[in-house]
N, C-alpha and C. Protein backbone atom coordinates (compact mmCIF):
# COMPACT_ATOMS: atom_id res chain seq x y z
N MET A 1 17.13 43.40 -53.96
CA MET A 1 16.07 43.15 -54.95
C MET A 1 14.79 42.72 -54.27
N THR A 2 14.90 41.91 -53.18
CA THR A 2 13.71 41.53 -52.51
C THR A 2 12.97 42.70 -51.86
N ARG A 3 13.74 43.66 -51.27
CA ARG A 3 13.16 44.81 -50.74
C ARG A 3 12.46 45.65 -51.83
N PHE A 4 13.04 45.72 -52.92
CA PHE A 4 12.40 46.54 -54.03
C PHE A 4 11.12 45.91 -54.46
N THR A 5 11.15 44.55 -54.57
CA THR A 5 9.91 43.81 -54.99
C THR A 5 8.82 43.96 -53.99
N SER A 6 9.18 43.95 -52.67
CA SER A 6 8.27 44.12 -51.59
C SER A 6 7.61 45.51 -51.63
N TYR A 7 8.48 46.50 -51.86
CA TYR A 7 8.00 47.90 -51.97
C TYR A 7 7.00 48.11 -53.07
N LEU A 8 7.37 47.46 -54.23
CA LEU A 8 6.37 47.59 -55.38
C LEU A 8 5.06 46.86 -55.02
N LEU A 9 5.11 45.77 -54.34
CA LEU A 9 3.87 45.01 -53.94
C LEU A 9 3.00 45.85 -53.04
N VAL A 10 3.65 46.50 -52.06
CA VAL A 10 2.96 47.36 -51.10
C VAL A 10 2.29 48.52 -51.85
N CYS A 11 2.99 49.19 -52.81
CA CYS A 11 2.44 50.29 -53.56
C CYS A 11 1.21 49.80 -54.39
N PHE A 12 1.37 48.66 -55.00
CA PHE A 12 0.33 48.07 -55.85
C PHE A 12 -0.94 47.83 -55.05
N VAL A 13 -0.77 47.21 -53.90
CA VAL A 13 -1.93 46.94 -53.06
C VAL A 13 -2.58 48.24 -52.56
N GLY A 14 -1.76 49.28 -52.23
CA GLY A 14 -2.34 50.55 -51.79
C GLY A 14 -3.10 51.20 -52.91
N MET A 15 -2.64 51.08 -54.10
CA MET A 15 -3.33 51.65 -55.30
C MET A 15 -4.66 51.00 -55.46
N LEU A 16 -4.69 49.66 -55.30
CA LEU A 16 -5.94 48.88 -55.39
C LEU A 16 -6.91 49.36 -54.38
N GLY A 17 -6.44 49.58 -53.13
CA GLY A 17 -7.34 50.00 -52.12
C GLY A 17 -7.94 51.35 -52.36
N LEU A 18 -7.12 52.29 -52.88
CA LEU A 18 -7.59 53.66 -53.11
C LEU A 18 -8.60 53.63 -54.25
N SER A 19 -8.37 52.76 -55.28
CA SER A 19 -9.36 52.77 -56.36
C SER A 19 -10.59 52.12 -55.93
N GLY A 20 -10.58 51.15 -55.02
CA GLY A 20 -11.67 50.57 -54.48
C GLY A 20 -12.56 51.51 -53.71
N CYS A 21 -11.96 52.40 -52.92
CA CYS A 21 -12.63 53.43 -52.19
C CYS A 21 -13.29 54.41 -53.10
N GLY A 22 -12.56 54.76 -54.11
CA GLY A 22 -13.11 55.77 -55.12
C GLY A 22 -14.31 55.20 -55.82
N GLY A 23 -14.27 53.93 -56.15
CA GLY A 23 -15.43 53.28 -56.80
C GLY A 23 -16.66 53.31 -55.90
N ALA A 24 -16.40 52.98 -54.54
CA ALA A 24 -17.54 53.01 -53.60
C ALA A 24 -18.19 54.42 -53.53
N GLU A 25 -17.30 55.45 -53.50
CA GLU A 25 -17.91 56.83 -53.40
C GLU A 25 -18.66 57.14 -54.68
N THR A 26 -18.14 56.72 -55.82
CA THR A 26 -18.85 57.02 -57.08
C THR A 26 -20.20 56.34 -57.11
N GLU A 27 -20.30 55.06 -56.67
CA GLU A 27 -21.58 54.34 -56.60
C GLU A 27 -22.53 55.04 -55.66
N GLU A 28 -22.02 55.50 -54.47
CA GLU A 28 -22.84 56.17 -53.50
C GLU A 28 -23.39 57.50 -54.01
N THR A 29 -22.59 58.25 -54.67
CA THR A 29 -23.02 59.54 -55.32
C THR A 29 -24.05 59.31 -56.42
N ALA A 30 -23.79 58.30 -57.20
CA ALA A 30 -24.78 57.92 -58.18
C ALA A 30 -26.11 57.55 -57.68
N THR A 31 -26.09 56.78 -56.55
CA THR A 31 -27.35 56.35 -55.88
C THR A 31 -28.13 57.53 -55.34
N GLU A 32 -27.38 58.53 -54.75
CA GLU A 32 -28.01 59.69 -54.14
C GLU A 32 -28.63 60.51 -55.32
N GLU A 33 -27.92 60.69 -56.43
CA GLU A 33 -28.47 61.47 -57.50
C GLU A 33 -29.70 60.76 -58.06
N ALA A 34 -29.67 59.49 -58.17
CA ALA A 34 -30.86 58.81 -58.75
C ALA A 34 -32.01 58.95 -57.84
N ALA A 35 -31.78 58.93 -56.45
CA ALA A 35 -32.89 59.13 -55.49
C ALA A 35 -33.49 60.51 -55.61
N MET A 36 -32.62 61.52 -55.83
CA MET A 36 -33.02 62.89 -55.95
C MET A 36 -33.95 63.01 -57.21
N GLU A 37 -33.42 62.42 -58.34
CA GLU A 37 -34.18 62.51 -59.61
C GLU A 37 -35.56 61.82 -59.47
N GLU A 38 -35.58 60.71 -58.72
CA GLU A 38 -36.86 59.97 -58.53
C GLU A 38 -37.80 60.83 -57.68
N MET A 39 -37.26 61.49 -56.64
CA MET A 39 -38.11 62.32 -55.81
C MET A 39 -38.63 63.55 -56.60
N ALA A 40 -37.77 64.10 -57.47
CA ALA A 40 -38.21 65.20 -58.27
C ALA A 40 -39.31 64.82 -59.25
N ALA A 41 -39.22 63.56 -59.73
CA ALA A 41 -40.23 63.15 -60.68
C ALA A 41 -41.60 62.94 -60.05
N ASP A 42 -41.59 62.70 -58.68
CA ASP A 42 -42.80 62.54 -57.94
C ASP A 42 -43.53 63.86 -57.69
N VAL A 43 -42.87 64.97 -57.74
CA VAL A 43 -43.35 66.29 -57.41
C VAL A 43 -43.55 67.07 -58.69
N ALA A 44 -44.73 67.56 -58.91
CA ALA A 44 -45.04 68.37 -60.12
C ALA A 44 -44.31 69.66 -60.03
N MET A 45 -43.61 70.02 -60.99
CA MET A 45 -42.89 71.32 -61.03
C MET A 45 -42.69 71.79 -62.50
N ILE A 46 -42.65 73.12 -62.59
CA ILE A 46 -42.49 73.72 -63.88
C ILE A 46 -41.97 75.18 -63.81
N ASN A 47 -41.16 75.59 -64.73
CA ASN A 47 -40.73 76.95 -64.78
C ASN A 47 -41.56 77.72 -65.83
N VAL A 48 -42.12 78.80 -65.37
CA VAL A 48 -43.00 79.60 -66.35
C VAL A 48 -42.47 81.00 -66.51
N GLU A 49 -42.75 81.63 -67.57
CA GLU A 49 -42.31 83.00 -67.83
C GLU A 49 -43.48 83.99 -67.67
N VAL A 50 -43.17 85.13 -67.08
CA VAL A 50 -44.19 86.18 -66.93
C VAL A 50 -44.28 86.87 -68.36
N THR A 51 -45.53 86.77 -68.90
CA THR A 51 -45.72 87.32 -70.25
C THR A 51 -46.34 88.78 -70.16
N SER A 52 -47.07 89.06 -69.14
CA SER A 52 -47.69 90.36 -69.03
C SER A 52 -48.13 90.60 -67.53
N ILE A 53 -48.30 91.86 -67.25
CA ILE A 53 -48.78 92.26 -65.95
C ILE A 53 -50.10 93.00 -66.17
N SER A 54 -51.14 92.59 -65.54
CA SER A 54 -52.46 93.31 -65.70
C SER A 54 -52.33 94.71 -65.11
N GLU A 55 -52.85 95.71 -65.86
CA GLU A 55 -52.76 97.08 -65.50
C GLU A 55 -53.40 97.43 -64.18
N GLU A 56 -54.67 97.02 -64.01
CA GLU A 56 -55.43 97.45 -62.90
C GLU A 56 -55.04 96.84 -61.55
N PHE A 57 -54.89 95.48 -61.57
CA PHE A 57 -54.54 94.82 -60.28
C PHE A 57 -53.15 94.19 -60.22
N ALA A 58 -52.33 94.43 -61.27
CA ALA A 58 -50.97 93.87 -61.31
C ALA A 58 -50.99 92.31 -61.15
N ASN A 59 -52.00 91.61 -61.76
CA ASN A 59 -52.02 90.22 -61.80
C ASN A 59 -50.80 89.72 -62.67
N ILE A 60 -50.21 88.63 -62.34
CA ILE A 60 -49.08 88.10 -63.04
C ILE A 60 -49.60 87.08 -64.06
N ASN A 61 -49.46 87.33 -65.39
CA ASN A 61 -49.89 86.42 -66.39
C ASN A 61 -48.70 85.66 -66.94
N THR A 62 -48.77 84.34 -67.11
CA THR A 62 -47.69 83.52 -67.53
C THR A 62 -48.00 82.80 -68.86
N ASN A 63 -46.93 82.11 -69.28
CA ASN A 63 -47.07 81.39 -70.60
C ASN A 63 -47.42 79.90 -70.39
N ALA A 64 -47.73 79.47 -69.11
CA ALA A 64 -48.07 78.11 -68.87
C ALA A 64 -49.56 77.83 -69.19
N THR A 65 -49.83 76.86 -70.05
CA THR A 65 -51.24 76.57 -70.39
C THR A 65 -51.71 75.54 -69.38
N SER A 66 -53.04 75.38 -69.35
CA SER A 66 -53.64 74.38 -68.49
C SER A 66 -53.21 72.96 -68.85
N ASP A 67 -53.02 72.70 -70.11
CA ASP A 67 -52.59 71.42 -70.59
C ASP A 67 -51.10 71.07 -70.11
N GLN A 68 -50.30 72.12 -70.24
CA GLN A 68 -48.94 71.94 -69.73
C GLN A 68 -48.87 71.63 -68.20
N LEU A 69 -49.73 72.33 -67.46
CA LEU A 69 -49.77 72.09 -66.03
C LEU A 69 -50.29 70.68 -65.72
N MET A 70 -51.30 70.25 -66.44
CA MET A 70 -51.79 68.87 -66.23
C MET A 70 -50.75 67.78 -66.61
N GLU A 71 -50.10 68.02 -67.69
CA GLU A 71 -48.97 67.14 -68.13
C GLU A 71 -47.90 67.00 -67.13
N ALA A 72 -47.65 68.12 -66.47
CA ALA A 72 -46.56 68.18 -65.47
C ALA A 72 -47.00 67.54 -64.17
N GLY A 73 -48.26 67.23 -64.03
CA GLY A 73 -48.72 66.56 -62.79
C GLY A 73 -49.43 67.41 -61.83
N PHE A 74 -49.86 68.67 -62.21
CA PHE A 74 -50.53 69.55 -61.26
C PHE A 74 -52.01 69.13 -61.29
N ALA A 75 -52.64 69.24 -60.10
CA ALA A 75 -54.07 68.99 -59.95
C ALA A 75 -54.84 70.34 -60.16
N ALA A 76 -55.94 70.17 -60.88
CA ALA A 76 -56.73 71.41 -61.19
C ALA A 76 -57.30 72.12 -60.00
N ASP A 77 -57.46 71.39 -58.91
CA ASP A 77 -57.98 71.95 -57.68
C ASP A 77 -56.96 71.82 -56.53
N GLY A 78 -55.69 71.69 -56.88
CA GLY A 78 -54.69 71.50 -55.81
C GLY A 78 -54.08 72.80 -55.37
N TRP A 79 -52.94 72.72 -54.72
CA TRP A 79 -52.24 73.81 -54.19
C TRP A 79 -50.87 73.88 -54.82
N ILE A 80 -50.30 75.06 -55.06
CA ILE A 80 -49.00 75.23 -55.65
C ILE A 80 -48.18 76.24 -54.85
N SER A 81 -46.89 76.17 -54.99
CA SER A 81 -45.98 77.19 -54.39
C SER A 81 -45.29 77.87 -55.61
N VAL A 82 -45.23 79.19 -55.53
CA VAL A 82 -44.62 80.00 -56.56
C VAL A 82 -43.34 80.67 -55.95
N HIS A 83 -42.22 80.46 -56.55
CA HIS A 83 -40.96 81.08 -56.07
C HIS A 83 -40.43 82.06 -57.06
N HIS A 84 -40.18 83.32 -56.57
CA HIS A 84 -39.59 84.35 -57.45
C HIS A 84 -38.65 85.13 -56.58
N ASN A 85 -37.37 85.11 -57.01
CA ASN A 85 -36.31 85.72 -56.20
C ASN A 85 -36.29 85.17 -54.74
N GLU A 86 -36.52 85.99 -53.75
CA GLU A 86 -36.55 85.58 -52.38
C GLU A 86 -37.96 85.29 -51.89
N HIS A 87 -38.95 85.42 -52.72
CA HIS A 87 -40.28 85.27 -52.32
C HIS A 87 -40.84 83.87 -52.68
N THR A 88 -41.52 83.23 -51.77
CA THR A 88 -42.23 82.00 -52.02
C THR A 88 -43.60 82.05 -51.40
N MET A 89 -44.62 81.89 -52.29
CA MET A 89 -46.00 81.97 -51.93
C MET A 89 -46.70 80.63 -52.17
N VAL A 90 -47.46 80.18 -51.19
CA VAL A 90 -48.27 79.02 -51.37
C VAL A 90 -49.74 79.41 -51.56
N MET A 91 -50.41 78.84 -52.58
CA MET A 91 -51.75 79.29 -52.91
C MET A 91 -52.57 78.19 -53.52
N PRO A 92 -53.82 78.28 -53.54
CA PRO A 92 -54.76 77.20 -54.22
C PRO A 92 -54.94 77.61 -55.63
N MET A 93 -55.22 76.51 -56.43
CA MET A 93 -55.68 76.68 -57.74
C MET A 93 -57.24 76.83 -57.66
N VAL A 94 -57.72 77.93 -58.08
CA VAL A 94 -59.19 78.19 -57.96
C VAL A 94 -59.75 78.70 -59.32
N ALA A 95 -61.08 78.81 -59.36
CA ALA A 95 -61.76 79.24 -60.54
C ALA A 95 -61.84 80.82 -60.69
N ASP A 96 -62.00 81.46 -59.54
CA ASP A 96 -62.19 82.88 -59.55
C ASP A 96 -61.56 83.52 -58.33
N TYR A 97 -61.31 84.85 -58.35
CA TYR A 97 -60.69 85.57 -57.30
C TYR A 97 -61.47 85.45 -56.00
N GLY A 98 -62.77 85.46 -56.03
CA GLY A 98 -63.57 85.50 -54.79
C GLY A 98 -63.60 84.13 -54.11
N ASP A 99 -62.90 83.18 -54.66
CA ASP A 99 -62.82 81.78 -54.00
C ASP A 99 -61.84 81.82 -52.83
N VAL A 100 -61.07 82.88 -52.69
CA VAL A 100 -60.22 83.02 -51.51
C VAL A 100 -60.53 84.27 -50.76
N ALA A 101 -60.06 84.42 -49.53
CA ALA A 101 -60.32 85.60 -48.69
C ALA A 101 -59.58 86.78 -49.32
N GLU A 102 -60.08 87.99 -49.00
CA GLU A 102 -59.41 89.19 -49.46
C GLU A 102 -57.94 89.29 -49.01
N GLY A 103 -57.05 89.59 -49.85
CA GLY A 103 -55.65 89.70 -49.52
C GLY A 103 -54.86 88.37 -49.70
N ALA A 104 -55.62 87.30 -50.03
CA ALA A 104 -55.00 85.93 -50.15
C ALA A 104 -54.45 85.77 -51.58
N TRP A 105 -53.34 85.02 -51.74
CA TRP A 105 -52.83 84.67 -53.03
C TRP A 105 -53.64 83.55 -53.67
N LEU A 106 -53.68 83.58 -54.96
CA LEU A 106 -54.42 82.54 -55.70
C LEU A 106 -53.74 82.29 -57.09
N ALA A 107 -54.09 81.16 -57.60
CA ALA A 107 -53.65 80.81 -59.04
C ALA A 107 -54.88 80.33 -59.77
N ARG A 108 -54.98 80.76 -61.02
CA ARG A 108 -56.17 80.37 -61.78
C ARG A 108 -55.82 80.38 -63.26
N ILE A 109 -56.59 79.68 -64.01
CA ILE A 109 -56.42 79.70 -65.51
C ILE A 109 -57.28 80.77 -66.02
N ASP A 110 -56.69 81.75 -66.68
CA ASP A 110 -57.40 82.89 -67.27
C ASP A 110 -58.29 82.49 -68.45
N GLU A 111 -59.56 82.92 -68.37
CA GLU A 111 -60.51 82.45 -69.37
C GLU A 111 -60.16 82.88 -70.82
N GLU A 112 -59.58 84.06 -70.96
CA GLU A 112 -59.30 84.61 -72.31
C GLU A 112 -58.10 84.00 -72.87
N SER A 113 -56.96 83.92 -72.10
CA SER A 113 -55.69 83.45 -72.61
C SER A 113 -55.54 81.90 -72.46
N GLY A 114 -56.23 81.34 -71.44
CA GLY A 114 -56.11 79.90 -71.20
C GLY A 114 -54.78 79.56 -70.53
N THR A 115 -54.19 80.55 -69.92
CA THR A 115 -52.85 80.36 -69.27
C THR A 115 -52.86 80.67 -67.79
N LEU A 116 -51.86 80.18 -67.08
CA LEU A 116 -51.80 80.34 -65.62
C LEU A 116 -51.65 81.82 -65.29
N GLN A 117 -52.48 82.25 -64.31
CA GLN A 117 -52.34 83.61 -63.78
C GLN A 117 -52.20 83.55 -62.27
N ILE A 118 -51.28 84.33 -61.77
CA ILE A 118 -51.06 84.42 -60.28
C ILE A 118 -51.53 85.84 -59.81
N ALA A 119 -52.30 85.83 -58.75
CA ALA A 119 -52.94 87.09 -58.35
C ALA A 119 -53.15 87.04 -56.81
N ILE A 120 -53.56 88.29 -56.35
CA ILE A 120 -53.96 88.43 -54.95
C ILE A 120 -55.41 89.02 -54.98
N ASN A 121 -56.33 88.41 -54.25
CA ASN A 121 -57.66 88.92 -54.28
C ASN A 121 -57.72 90.33 -53.65
N GLY A 122 -57.92 91.33 -54.45
CA GLY A 122 -57.95 92.68 -54.02
C GLY A 122 -56.59 93.35 -53.84
N GLY A 123 -55.55 92.62 -54.28
CA GLY A 123 -54.19 93.16 -54.10
C GLY A 123 -53.42 93.31 -55.42
N ASN A 124 -52.17 93.52 -55.34
CA ASN A 124 -51.26 93.69 -56.47
C ASN A 124 -50.08 92.70 -56.42
N ALA A 125 -50.28 91.56 -57.06
CA ALA A 125 -49.34 90.43 -56.97
C ALA A 125 -47.91 90.88 -57.51
N ALA A 126 -47.87 91.39 -58.68
CA ALA A 126 -46.54 91.67 -59.28
C ALA A 126 -45.84 92.75 -58.48
N THR A 127 -46.56 93.69 -57.97
CA THR A 127 -45.91 94.74 -57.12
C THR A 127 -45.36 94.21 -55.88
N ASP A 128 -46.05 93.27 -55.24
CA ASP A 128 -45.67 92.68 -53.94
C ASP A 128 -44.40 91.95 -54.07
N ILE A 129 -44.12 91.22 -55.11
CA ILE A 129 -42.88 90.42 -55.27
C ILE A 129 -41.94 90.96 -56.26
N GLY A 130 -42.22 92.15 -56.84
CA GLY A 130 -41.28 92.72 -57.78
C GLY A 130 -41.14 91.98 -59.08
N ALA A 131 -42.22 91.33 -59.55
CA ALA A 131 -42.23 90.59 -60.82
C ALA A 131 -42.37 91.51 -62.05
N ALA A 132 -41.69 91.17 -63.11
CA ALA A 132 -41.69 91.98 -64.30
C ALA A 132 -41.81 91.05 -65.51
N VAL A 133 -42.30 91.51 -66.64
CA VAL A 133 -42.34 90.75 -67.90
C VAL A 133 -40.96 90.23 -68.21
N GLY A 134 -41.00 88.94 -68.50
CA GLY A 134 -39.71 88.25 -68.85
C GLY A 134 -39.16 87.47 -67.70
N ASP A 135 -39.51 87.78 -66.44
CA ASP A 135 -39.10 87.04 -65.34
C ASP A 135 -39.52 85.60 -65.34
N MET A 136 -38.78 84.72 -64.73
CA MET A 136 -39.12 83.30 -64.61
C MET A 136 -39.61 83.02 -63.20
N LEU A 137 -40.69 82.21 -63.11
CA LEU A 137 -41.22 81.79 -61.85
C LEU A 137 -41.06 80.29 -61.73
N HIS A 138 -40.64 79.82 -60.57
CA HIS A 138 -40.57 78.38 -60.30
C HIS A 138 -41.78 77.95 -59.62
N VAL A 139 -42.62 77.11 -60.28
CA VAL A 139 -43.90 76.62 -59.77
C VAL A 139 -43.81 75.19 -59.48
N MET A 140 -44.25 74.79 -58.29
CA MET A 140 -44.30 73.36 -57.97
C MET A 140 -45.53 73.03 -57.06
N ALA A 141 -45.90 71.79 -57.09
CA ALA A 141 -47.08 71.38 -56.30
C ALA A 141 -46.75 71.47 -54.84
N ALA A 142 -47.76 71.82 -54.04
CA ALA A 142 -47.61 72.06 -52.57
C ALA A 142 -48.79 71.38 -51.85
N ASP A 143 -48.54 71.12 -50.57
CA ASP A 143 -49.58 70.60 -49.67
C ASP A 143 -50.41 71.78 -49.22
N ALA A 144 -51.71 71.55 -48.99
CA ALA A 144 -52.61 72.59 -48.47
C ALA A 144 -52.18 72.88 -47.04
N PRO A 145 -52.19 74.15 -46.69
CA PRO A 145 -51.83 74.54 -45.34
C PRO A 145 -52.95 74.21 -44.37
N ASP A 146 -52.68 74.30 -43.07
CA ASP A 146 -53.75 74.04 -42.08
C ASP A 146 -54.85 74.98 -42.29
N MET A 147 -56.13 74.41 -42.52
CA MET A 147 -57.28 75.28 -42.80
C MET A 147 -57.72 76.02 -41.59
N GLY A 148 -57.15 75.69 -40.43
CA GLY A 148 -57.51 76.43 -39.22
C GLY A 148 -57.02 77.85 -39.29
N GLU A 149 -56.02 78.09 -40.13
CA GLU A 149 -55.55 79.48 -40.31
C GLU A 149 -56.48 80.33 -41.01
N GLY A 150 -57.58 79.85 -41.64
CA GLY A 150 -58.58 80.65 -42.28
C GLY A 150 -58.12 81.27 -43.61
N GLU A 151 -57.33 80.54 -44.33
CA GLU A 151 -56.86 81.08 -45.60
C GLU A 151 -57.94 81.23 -46.68
N MET A 152 -58.78 80.23 -46.70
CA MET A 152 -59.83 80.21 -47.74
C MET A 152 -61.06 81.06 -47.36
N GLY A 153 -61.53 81.83 -48.28
CA GLY A 153 -62.72 82.58 -48.01
C GLY A 153 -63.93 81.78 -47.73
N GLU A 154 -64.08 80.60 -48.42
CA GLU A 154 -65.21 79.70 -48.22
C GLU A 154 -65.28 79.22 -46.82
N GLY A 155 -64.14 78.84 -46.28
CA GLY A 155 -64.11 78.29 -44.92
C GLY A 155 -64.59 79.35 -43.95
N GLU A 156 -64.18 80.59 -44.11
CA GLU A 156 -64.55 81.68 -43.12
C GLU A 156 -66.05 81.91 -43.34
N MET A 157 -66.60 81.91 -44.52
CA MET A 157 -68.02 82.15 -44.68
C MET A 157 -68.82 81.06 -44.11
N GLY A 158 -68.37 79.80 -44.22
CA GLY A 158 -69.10 78.65 -43.68
C GLY A 158 -69.25 78.77 -42.19
N GLU A 159 -68.19 79.21 -41.49
CA GLU A 159 -68.27 79.42 -40.06
C GLU A 159 -69.23 80.47 -39.68
N GLY A 160 -69.22 81.51 -40.44
CA GLY A 160 -70.15 82.66 -40.13
C GLY A 160 -71.57 82.21 -40.32
N GLU A 161 -71.85 81.45 -41.37
CA GLU A 161 -73.19 81.03 -41.63
C GLU A 161 -73.73 80.16 -40.46
N GLY A 162 -72.83 79.29 -39.92
CA GLY A 162 -73.25 78.46 -38.79
C GLY A 162 -73.65 79.28 -37.57
N GLU A 163 -72.84 80.31 -37.29
CA GLU A 163 -73.08 81.15 -36.04
C GLU A 163 -74.39 81.88 -36.31
N MET A 164 -74.64 82.44 -37.43
CA MET A 164 -75.82 83.19 -37.65
C MET A 164 -77.07 82.39 -37.62
N GLY A 165 -76.99 81.21 -38.16
CA GLY A 165 -78.17 80.31 -38.25
C GLY A 165 -78.61 79.84 -36.86
N GLU A 166 -77.68 79.58 -35.88
CA GLU A 166 -78.04 79.04 -34.68
C GLU A 166 -78.30 80.07 -33.58
N GLY A 167 -77.39 80.96 -33.43
CA GLY A 167 -77.49 81.97 -32.30
C GLY A 167 -78.22 83.20 -32.63
N GLU A 168 -77.75 83.92 -33.64
CA GLU A 168 -78.19 85.31 -33.89
C GLU A 168 -79.61 85.28 -34.47
N MET A 169 -80.02 84.29 -35.20
CA MET A 169 -81.36 84.28 -35.74
C MET A 169 -82.37 84.01 -34.63
N GLU A 170 -82.03 83.20 -33.64
CA GLU A 170 -82.96 82.92 -32.56
C GLU A 170 -83.21 84.14 -31.72
N GLU A 171 -82.08 84.96 -31.47
CA GLU A 171 -82.28 86.19 -30.79
C GLU A 171 -83.14 87.16 -31.55
N GLY A 172 -83.04 87.07 -32.90
CA GLY A 172 -83.78 88.03 -33.83
C GLY A 172 -85.32 87.72 -33.72
N GLU A 173 -85.68 86.54 -33.32
CA GLU A 173 -87.11 86.23 -33.27
C GLU A 173 -87.76 87.12 -32.10
N GLY A 174 -87.05 87.31 -31.01
CA GLY A 174 -87.58 87.99 -29.87
C GLY A 174 -87.40 89.54 -30.02
N ASP A 175 -86.47 89.96 -30.83
CA ASP A 175 -86.19 91.38 -31.02
C ASP A 175 -86.02 91.70 -32.45
N MET A 176 -87.00 92.30 -33.04
CA MET A 176 -86.97 92.53 -34.46
C MET A 176 -85.93 93.55 -34.89
N ASP A 177 -85.64 94.56 -34.02
CA ASP A 177 -84.66 95.61 -34.37
C ASP A 177 -83.34 94.96 -34.44
N GLU A 178 -82.98 94.06 -33.46
CA GLU A 178 -81.66 93.48 -33.51
C GLU A 178 -81.60 92.47 -34.69
N GLY A 179 -82.69 91.73 -34.97
CA GLY A 179 -82.65 90.85 -36.13
C GLY A 179 -82.45 91.56 -37.40
N GLU A 180 -83.13 92.76 -37.57
CA GLU A 180 -82.97 93.49 -38.84
C GLU A 180 -81.60 94.03 -38.95
N MET A 181 -81.08 94.52 -37.87
CA MET A 181 -79.75 95.07 -37.90
C MET A 181 -78.70 93.96 -38.30
N GLU A 182 -78.90 92.78 -37.69
CA GLU A 182 -77.90 91.77 -38.02
C GLU A 182 -78.04 91.31 -39.50
N GLU A 183 -79.27 91.25 -39.98
CA GLU A 183 -79.42 90.88 -41.37
C GLU A 183 -78.86 91.99 -42.25
N GLY A 184 -78.90 93.22 -41.86
CA GLY A 184 -78.30 94.29 -42.64
C GLY A 184 -76.77 94.16 -42.63
N ASP A 185 -76.25 93.81 -41.35
CA ASP A 185 -74.79 93.67 -41.28
C ASP A 185 -74.32 92.46 -42.18
N ALA A 186 -75.18 91.42 -42.19
CA ALA A 186 -74.73 90.31 -42.99
C ALA A 186 -74.76 90.72 -44.52
N GLY A 187 -75.71 91.46 -44.82
CA GLY A 187 -75.75 91.96 -46.26
C GLY A 187 -74.55 92.76 -46.63
N GLU A 188 -74.16 93.68 -45.63
CA GLU A 188 -73.01 94.50 -45.95
C GLU A 188 -71.76 93.62 -46.03
N SER A 189 -71.69 92.63 -45.13
CA SER A 189 -70.52 91.72 -45.16
C SER A 189 -70.42 91.00 -46.53
N MET A 190 -71.55 90.49 -47.00
CA MET A 190 -71.56 89.81 -48.26
C MET A 190 -71.24 90.74 -49.39
N GLY A 191 -71.76 91.90 -49.34
CA GLY A 191 -71.42 92.90 -50.39
C GLY A 191 -70.04 93.22 -50.40
N GLY A 192 -69.43 93.29 -49.16
CA GLY A 192 -68.00 93.64 -49.11
C GLY A 192 -67.11 92.59 -49.77
N GLU A 193 -67.52 91.26 -49.55
CA GLU A 193 -66.74 90.23 -50.16
C GLU A 193 -66.82 90.24 -51.63
N GLU A 194 -67.99 90.52 -52.19
CA GLU A 194 -68.15 90.56 -53.56
C GLU A 194 -67.37 91.71 -54.21
N ALA A 195 -67.27 92.75 -53.44
CA ALA A 195 -66.58 93.92 -53.94
C ALA A 195 -65.10 93.67 -54.19
N THR A 196 -64.52 92.69 -53.39
CA THR A 196 -63.11 92.42 -53.54
C THR A 196 -62.85 91.52 -54.68
N THR A 197 -63.86 90.95 -55.30
CA THR A 197 -63.67 90.04 -56.46
C THR A 197 -63.22 90.86 -57.72
N GLN A 198 -62.07 90.40 -58.23
CA GLN A 198 -61.46 91.18 -59.39
C GLN A 198 -62.14 90.74 -60.66
N PRO A 199 -62.30 91.61 -61.56
CA PRO A 199 -62.75 91.13 -62.94
C PRO A 199 -61.59 90.43 -63.67
N ALA A 200 -61.90 89.60 -64.56
CA ALA A 200 -60.89 88.86 -65.32
C ALA A 200 -60.08 89.87 -66.06
N GLN A 201 -58.70 89.67 -65.94
CA GLN A 201 -57.71 90.53 -66.67
C GLN A 201 -57.17 89.85 -67.85
């Protein structure tokens, strides 16, 4: 009888130990989930639907309004990442296509619809990532990449202006032919950048 009582006591203590371990694991899991939820709350994110594709440049038009983006925590002049299938693109929120270099991704609020538009300056955004009407895009806030990479058109233009102002214009004073040619080249360069600017779709 004593042996049986001892056996029952050992089993009972073992069960208490197991339940205690299980409780600790449950608390740890709950803590991790709460931390993840808190981290997600700190990062602006939203799922948007592709409502139409622009015919000429294949710009991706979505159903997300500027008010929805602001309420979700996005900055009007910030950077975002857009994920679709296996593609993830990081881009700035800008006012117009020409605010980025040719071939660069951009996000903007379309003037006519007042909704988020994803595009490539001089390119075809929907074609590049295989987006179609009805697809969902996962959009979240992102950090600006290293500007040394020359992603922004304004940054590249600013460097060019500095070089022309100091070096090339001084040489142009002594040699009018070279100065005129450089001014013509600059004009062509500026014209080329304007040509890549897309009209609003």
